[in-house]
């Protein structure tokens, strides 16, 4: 249900232009993808919280690395596997599991990660 809501809101993430309040200014908005996003969902409800991070990242044109909590790793791995079975390209969504203090520190400092959510 949460995923359907997030995908529905994706239609608002489009580039467009409009007149400003004073009608003398022209405003432009553009959607620019950030690249690789690191998503670290919290311990409670790891799949639901991961979906709330995965949906907006993909809608905005980014790839995503998911680092689930150790206690919720299996459910997140199954979810990412379902994305791959559904035809998502390999590498678009990746899941990395392990001890958070080691993997989390490495990923958050990695120069290839452009955004952390």
N, C-alpha and C. Protein backbone atom coordinates (compact mmCIF):
# COMPACT_ATOMS: atom_id res chain seq x y z
N UNK A 1 0.83 -1.19 0.00
CA UNK A 1 0.00 0.00 0.00
C UNK A 1 0.87 1.26 0.00
N UNK A 2 1.92 1.24 0.81
CA UNK A 2 2.82 2.39 0.87
C UNK A 2 3.52 2.60 -0.47
N UNK A 3 3.93 1.50 -1.09
CA UNK A 3 4.59 1.60 -2.39
C UNK A 3 3.68 2.19 -3.46
N UNK A 4 2.42 1.81 -3.45
CA UNK A 4 1.46 2.34 -4.42
C UNK A 4 1.29 3.84 -4.22
N UNK A 5 1.23 4.28 -2.96
CA UNK A 5 1.09 5.71 -2.67
C UNK A 5 2.32 6.48 -3.16
N UNK A 6 3.50 5.94 -2.89
CA UNK A 6 4.73 6.63 -3.29
C UNK A 6 4.83 6.72 -4.81
N UNK A 7 4.51 5.63 -5.50
CA UNK A 7 4.57 5.65 -6.96
C UNK A 7 3.56 6.64 -7.52
N UNK A 8 2.39 6.74 -6.90
CA UNK A 8 1.39 7.71 -7.33
C UNK A 8 1.86 9.14 -7.20
N UNK A 9 2.67 9.41 -6.19
CA UNK A 9 3.19 10.76 -6.01
C UNK A 9 4.34 11.06 -6.98
N UNK A 10 4.87 10.04 -7.62
CA UNK A 10 5.96 10.23 -8.56
C UNK A 10 5.60 11.10 -9.75
N UNK A 11 4.32 11.18 -10.07
CA UNK A 11 3.90 12.00 -11.21
C UNK A 11 4.18 13.48 -10.97
N UNK A 12 4.41 13.86 -9.71
CA UNK A 12 4.70 15.26 -9.41
C UNK A 12 6.19 15.57 -9.58
N UNK A 13 7.01 14.55 -9.78
CA UNK A 13 8.45 14.75 -9.94
C UNK A 13 8.81 14.93 -11.41
N UNK A 14 8.27 15.93 -12.03
CA UNK A 14 8.54 16.19 -13.43
C UNK A 14 9.13 17.58 -13.59
N UNK A 15 9.88 17.76 -14.63
CA UNK A 15 10.41 19.08 -14.95
C UNK A 15 9.33 19.89 -15.64
N UNK A 16 9.19 21.13 -15.25
CA UNK A 16 8.22 21.99 -15.92
C UNK A 16 8.56 23.46 -15.66
N UNK A 17 7.82 24.32 -16.27
CA UNK A 17 8.02 25.75 -16.09
C UNK A 17 6.68 26.41 -15.82
N UNK A 18 6.74 27.55 -15.14
CA UNK A 18 5.52 28.28 -14.82
C UNK A 18 5.86 29.74 -14.56
N UNK A 19 4.87 30.57 -14.64
CA UNK A 19 5.07 31.99 -14.37
C UNK A 19 5.20 32.21 -12.87
N UNK A 20 6.07 33.14 -12.49
CA UNK A 20 6.23 33.47 -11.08
C UNK A 20 5.06 34.28 -10.56
N UNK A 21 5.07 34.57 -9.28
CA UNK A 21 3.98 35.32 -8.65
C UNK A 21 3.80 36.71 -9.25
N UNK A 22 4.89 37.34 -9.64
CA UNK A 22 4.81 38.71 -10.15
C UNK A 22 4.54 38.76 -11.65
N UNK A 23 4.46 37.64 -12.31
CA UNK A 23 4.24 37.54 -13.76
C UNK A 23 5.36 38.16 -14.59
N UNK A 24 6.40 38.64 -13.93
CA UNK A 24 7.55 39.16 -14.66
C UNK A 24 8.72 38.18 -14.60
N UNK A 25 8.51 37.10 -13.88
CA UNK A 25 9.56 36.09 -13.73
C UNK A 25 9.05 34.76 -14.23
N UNK A 26 9.94 34.01 -14.82
CA UNK A 26 9.61 32.69 -15.34
C UNK A 26 10.38 31.67 -14.51
N UNK A 27 9.71 30.72 -13.92
CA UNK A 27 10.34 29.75 -13.04
C UNK A 27 10.50 28.41 -13.75
N UNK A 28 11.63 27.80 -13.58
CA UNK A 28 11.91 26.49 -14.17
C UNK A 28 12.25 25.51 -13.06
N UNK A 29 11.71 24.33 -13.14
CA UNK A 29 12.11 23.25 -12.24
C UNK A 29 12.59 22.10 -13.10
N UNK A 30 13.60 21.41 -12.62
CA UNK A 30 14.10 20.27 -13.38
C UNK A 30 14.42 19.12 -12.44
N UNK A 31 14.20 17.93 -12.93
CA UNK A 31 14.50 16.73 -12.17
C UNK A 31 15.89 16.26 -12.61
N UNK A 32 16.81 16.23 -11.68
CA UNK A 32 18.17 15.79 -11.97
C UNK A 32 18.47 14.63 -11.04
N UNK A 33 18.81 13.49 -11.60
CA UNK A 33 19.11 12.35 -10.74
C UNK A 33 20.46 12.56 -10.06
N UNK A 34 20.59 12.01 -8.87
CA UNK A 34 21.81 12.17 -8.08
C UNK A 34 22.83 11.08 -8.37
N UNK A 35 22.39 9.95 -8.85
CA UNK A 35 23.30 8.83 -9.11
C UNK A 35 23.02 7.69 -8.17
N UNK A 36 23.99 7.35 -7.34
CA UNK A 36 23.85 6.24 -6.40
C UNK A 36 23.37 6.76 -5.05
N UNK A 37 22.29 6.17 -4.58
CA UNK A 37 21.72 6.54 -3.29
C UNK A 37 21.88 5.36 -2.34
N UNK A 38 22.31 5.64 -1.12
CA UNK A 38 22.42 4.63 -0.08
C UNK A 38 21.19 4.74 0.81
N UNK A 39 20.44 3.66 0.93
CA UNK A 39 19.25 3.64 1.78
C UNK A 39 19.52 2.74 2.97
N UNK A 40 19.36 3.30 4.17
CA UNK A 40 19.56 2.54 5.40
C UNK A 40 18.27 2.59 6.21
N UNK A 41 17.37 1.62 6.01
CA UNK A 41 16.13 1.62 6.78
C UNK A 41 16.39 1.22 8.23
N UNK A 42 15.55 1.70 9.12
CA UNK A 42 15.74 1.39 10.54
C UNK A 42 15.21 -0.01 10.86
N UNK A 43 15.43 -0.41 12.09
CA UNK A 43 15.16 -1.78 12.53
C UNK A 43 13.68 -2.14 12.50
N UNK A 44 12.81 -1.23 12.91
CA UNK A 44 11.38 -1.56 12.95
C UNK A 44 10.79 -1.42 11.55
N UNK A 45 10.07 -2.41 11.10
CA UNK A 45 9.44 -2.45 9.78
C UNK A 45 10.46 -2.22 8.65
N UNK A 46 11.48 -3.06 8.53
CA UNK A 46 12.54 -2.79 7.55
C UNK A 46 12.06 -2.76 6.10
N UNK A 47 11.10 -3.62 5.73
CA UNK A 47 10.65 -3.64 4.34
C UNK A 47 9.83 -2.40 4.02
N UNK A 48 8.89 -2.06 4.89
CA UNK A 48 8.05 -0.88 4.66
C UNK A 48 8.90 0.39 4.60
N UNK A 49 9.85 0.51 5.51
CA UNK A 49 10.71 1.70 5.51
C UNK A 49 11.67 1.69 4.32
N UNK A 50 12.08 0.51 3.86
CA UNK A 50 12.93 0.44 2.68
C UNK A 50 12.16 0.87 1.44
N UNK A 51 10.89 0.45 1.33
CA UNK A 51 10.07 0.83 0.18
C UNK A 51 9.90 2.35 0.13
N UNK A 52 9.77 2.98 1.30
CA UNK A 52 9.60 4.43 1.32
C UNK A 52 10.87 5.15 0.88
N UNK A 53 11.99 4.46 0.83
CA UNK A 53 13.23 5.04 0.33
C UNK A 53 13.50 4.61 -1.12
N UNK A 54 13.16 3.37 -1.46
CA UNK A 54 13.40 2.84 -2.80
C UNK A 54 12.54 3.54 -3.84
N UNK A 55 11.26 3.68 -3.55
CA UNK A 55 10.33 4.27 -4.51
C UNK A 55 10.76 5.64 -5.01
N UNK A 56 10.93 6.61 -4.12
CA UNK A 56 11.34 7.95 -4.58
C UNK A 56 12.69 7.96 -5.29
N UNK A 57 13.63 7.13 -4.83
CA UNK A 57 14.95 7.09 -5.47
C UNK A 57 14.84 6.62 -6.92
N UNK A 58 14.07 5.57 -7.16
CA UNK A 58 13.92 5.05 -8.51
C UNK A 58 13.11 5.98 -9.40
N UNK A 59 12.06 6.57 -8.84
CA UNK A 59 11.24 7.50 -9.62
C UNK A 59 12.08 8.69 -10.09
N UNK A 60 13.01 9.12 -9.26
CA UNK A 60 13.86 10.26 -9.61
C UNK A 60 15.01 9.87 -10.53
N UNK A 61 15.12 8.59 -10.91
CA UNK A 61 16.13 8.17 -11.87
C UNK A 61 17.46 7.77 -11.27
N UNK A 62 17.47 7.38 -10.02
CA UNK A 62 18.71 7.00 -9.34
C UNK A 62 18.81 5.49 -9.21
N UNK A 63 20.03 5.01 -8.98
CA UNK A 63 20.21 3.62 -8.57
C UNK A 63 20.34 3.62 -7.06
N UNK A 64 20.19 2.44 -6.45
CA UNK A 64 20.09 2.40 -5.00
C UNK A 64 20.85 1.22 -4.43
N UNK A 65 21.55 1.47 -3.33
CA UNK A 65 22.18 0.42 -2.54
C UNK A 65 21.44 0.39 -1.21
N UNK A 66 20.87 -0.76 -0.90
CA UNK A 66 20.10 -0.94 0.33
C UNK A 66 20.97 -1.64 1.35
N UNK A 67 21.09 -1.06 2.53
CA UNK A 67 21.84 -1.67 3.63
C UNK A 67 20.86 -1.87 4.78
N UNK A 68 20.18 -3.03 4.81
CA UNK A 68 19.15 -3.25 5.82
C UNK A 68 19.75 -3.56 7.18
N UNK A 69 18.95 -3.41 8.24
CA UNK A 69 19.44 -3.82 9.56
C UNK A 69 19.67 -5.33 9.59
N UNK A 70 20.59 -5.78 10.40
CA UNK A 70 20.93 -7.20 10.47
C UNK A 70 19.69 -8.05 10.75
N UNK A 71 18.82 -7.57 11.64
CA UNK A 71 17.64 -8.33 12.02
C UNK A 71 16.60 -8.39 10.91
N UNK A 72 16.64 -7.50 9.95
CA UNK A 72 15.67 -7.48 8.86
C UNK A 72 16.28 -7.76 7.51
N UNK A 73 17.48 -8.32 7.51
CA UNK A 73 18.22 -8.49 6.25
C UNK A 73 17.55 -9.49 5.31
N UNK A 74 17.04 -10.59 5.84
CA UNK A 74 16.47 -11.63 4.97
C UNK A 74 15.25 -11.11 4.23
N UNK A 75 14.38 -10.39 4.93
CA UNK A 75 13.18 -9.86 4.27
C UNK A 75 13.55 -8.84 3.19
N UNK A 76 14.55 -8.03 3.45
CA UNK A 76 14.98 -7.05 2.44
C UNK A 76 15.66 -7.74 1.26
N UNK A 77 16.41 -8.79 1.51
CA UNK A 77 17.02 -9.55 0.41
C UNK A 77 15.95 -10.17 -0.48
N UNK A 78 14.90 -10.70 0.14
CA UNK A 78 13.80 -11.26 -0.65
C UNK A 78 13.10 -10.18 -1.47
N UNK A 79 12.94 -9.00 -0.88
CA UNK A 79 12.29 -7.91 -1.60
C UNK A 79 13.11 -7.50 -2.83
N UNK A 80 14.42 -7.36 -2.66
CA UNK A 80 15.28 -6.99 -3.78
C UNK A 80 15.27 -8.10 -4.84
N UNK A 81 15.22 -9.35 -4.39
CA UNK A 81 15.12 -10.46 -5.34
C UNK A 81 13.82 -10.37 -6.15
N UNK A 82 12.74 -9.97 -5.50
CA UNK A 82 11.45 -9.79 -6.21
C UNK A 82 11.56 -8.69 -7.26
N UNK A 83 12.29 -7.62 -6.95
CA UNK A 83 12.51 -6.56 -7.95
C UNK A 83 13.23 -7.14 -9.17
N UNK A 84 14.24 -7.96 -8.94
CA UNK A 84 14.99 -8.56 -10.05
C UNK A 84 14.12 -9.52 -10.85
N UNK A 85 13.29 -10.30 -10.15
CA UNK A 85 12.37 -11.21 -10.85
C UNK A 85 11.35 -10.45 -11.68
N UNK A 86 11.02 -9.24 -11.24
CA UNK A 86 10.04 -8.42 -11.96
C UNK A 86 10.64 -7.76 -13.20
N UNK A 87 11.95 -7.90 -13.39
CA UNK A 87 12.56 -7.36 -14.60
C UNK A 87 13.39 -6.11 -14.40
N UNK A 88 13.59 -5.68 -13.17
CA UNK A 88 14.45 -4.52 -12.94
C UNK A 88 15.87 -4.88 -13.37
N UNK A 89 16.58 -3.95 -14.00
CA UNK A 89 17.95 -4.25 -14.44
C UNK A 89 18.87 -4.55 -13.27
N UNK A 90 19.79 -5.46 -13.49
CA UNK A 90 20.79 -5.77 -12.47
C UNK A 90 21.59 -4.51 -12.15
N UNK A 91 21.84 -4.29 -10.89
CA UNK A 91 22.60 -3.13 -10.46
C UNK A 91 21.76 -1.91 -10.17
N UNK A 92 20.51 -1.91 -10.57
CA UNK A 92 19.64 -0.77 -10.26
C UNK A 92 19.35 -0.73 -8.78
N UNK A 93 19.06 -1.89 -8.20
CA UNK A 93 18.86 -2.01 -6.76
C UNK A 93 19.78 -3.11 -6.27
N UNK A 94 20.63 -2.78 -5.32
CA UNK A 94 21.53 -3.75 -4.72
C UNK A 94 21.29 -3.79 -3.23
N UNK A 95 21.56 -4.93 -2.62
CA UNK A 95 21.37 -5.08 -1.18
C UNK A 95 22.67 -5.60 -0.60
N UNK A 96 23.19 -4.92 0.41
CA UNK A 96 24.43 -5.30 1.07
C UNK A 96 24.10 -5.58 2.52
N UNK A 97 24.48 -6.75 3.01
CA UNK A 97 24.18 -7.11 4.39
C UNK A 97 25.47 -7.36 5.16
N UNK A 98 25.36 -7.29 6.46
CA UNK A 98 26.50 -7.54 7.33
C UNK A 98 26.43 -6.67 8.56
N UNK A 99 27.50 -6.65 9.30
CA UNK A 99 27.56 -5.87 10.53
C UNK A 99 27.50 -4.38 10.19
N UNK A 100 26.49 -3.72 10.71
CA UNK A 100 26.24 -2.32 10.36
C UNK A 100 27.39 -1.39 10.67
N UNK A 101 28.09 -1.65 11.79
CA UNK A 101 29.18 -0.74 12.16
C UNK A 101 30.34 -0.82 11.18
N UNK A 102 30.46 -1.91 10.46
CA UNK A 102 31.53 -2.03 9.47
C UNK A 102 31.05 -1.63 8.07
N UNK A 103 29.98 -2.27 7.62
CA UNK A 103 29.48 -2.00 6.27
C UNK A 103 28.90 -0.59 6.18
N UNK A 104 28.14 -0.21 7.20
CA UNK A 104 27.54 1.13 7.20
C UNK A 104 28.59 2.22 7.15
N UNK A 105 29.64 2.07 7.95
CA UNK A 105 30.72 3.07 7.94
C UNK A 105 31.40 3.12 6.58
N UNK A 106 31.65 1.96 5.98
CA UNK A 106 32.29 1.92 4.67
C UNK A 106 31.42 2.59 3.61
N UNK A 107 30.13 2.22 3.58
CA UNK A 107 29.24 2.75 2.55
C UNK A 107 28.98 4.24 2.70
N UNK A 108 28.83 4.71 3.93
CA UNK A 108 28.54 6.14 4.12
C UNK A 108 29.73 7.01 3.75
N UNK A 109 30.93 6.47 3.80
CA UNK A 109 32.12 7.24 3.44
C UNK A 109 32.57 6.98 2.00
N UNK A 110 31.90 6.08 1.29
CA UNK A 110 32.32 5.72 -0.06
C UNK A 110 32.10 6.90 -1.02
N UNK A 111 33.10 7.23 -1.85
CA UNK A 111 32.95 8.38 -2.75
C UNK A 111 31.92 8.16 -3.86
N UNK A 112 31.54 6.92 -4.13
CA UNK A 112 30.55 6.65 -5.17
C UNK A 112 29.12 6.87 -4.72
N UNK A 113 28.91 7.04 -3.43
CA UNK A 113 27.57 7.27 -2.89
C UNK A 113 27.30 8.77 -2.91
N UNK A 114 26.26 9.18 -3.60
CA UNK A 114 25.96 10.60 -3.76
C UNK A 114 24.91 11.13 -2.79
N UNK A 115 24.17 10.23 -2.16
CA UNK A 115 23.10 10.65 -1.25
C UNK A 115 22.83 9.52 -0.27
N UNK A 116 22.53 9.86 0.98
CA UNK A 116 22.18 8.87 1.99
C UNK A 116 20.79 9.20 2.50
N UNK A 117 19.93 8.19 2.48
CA UNK A 117 18.58 8.42 3.03
C UNK A 117 18.19 7.29 3.95
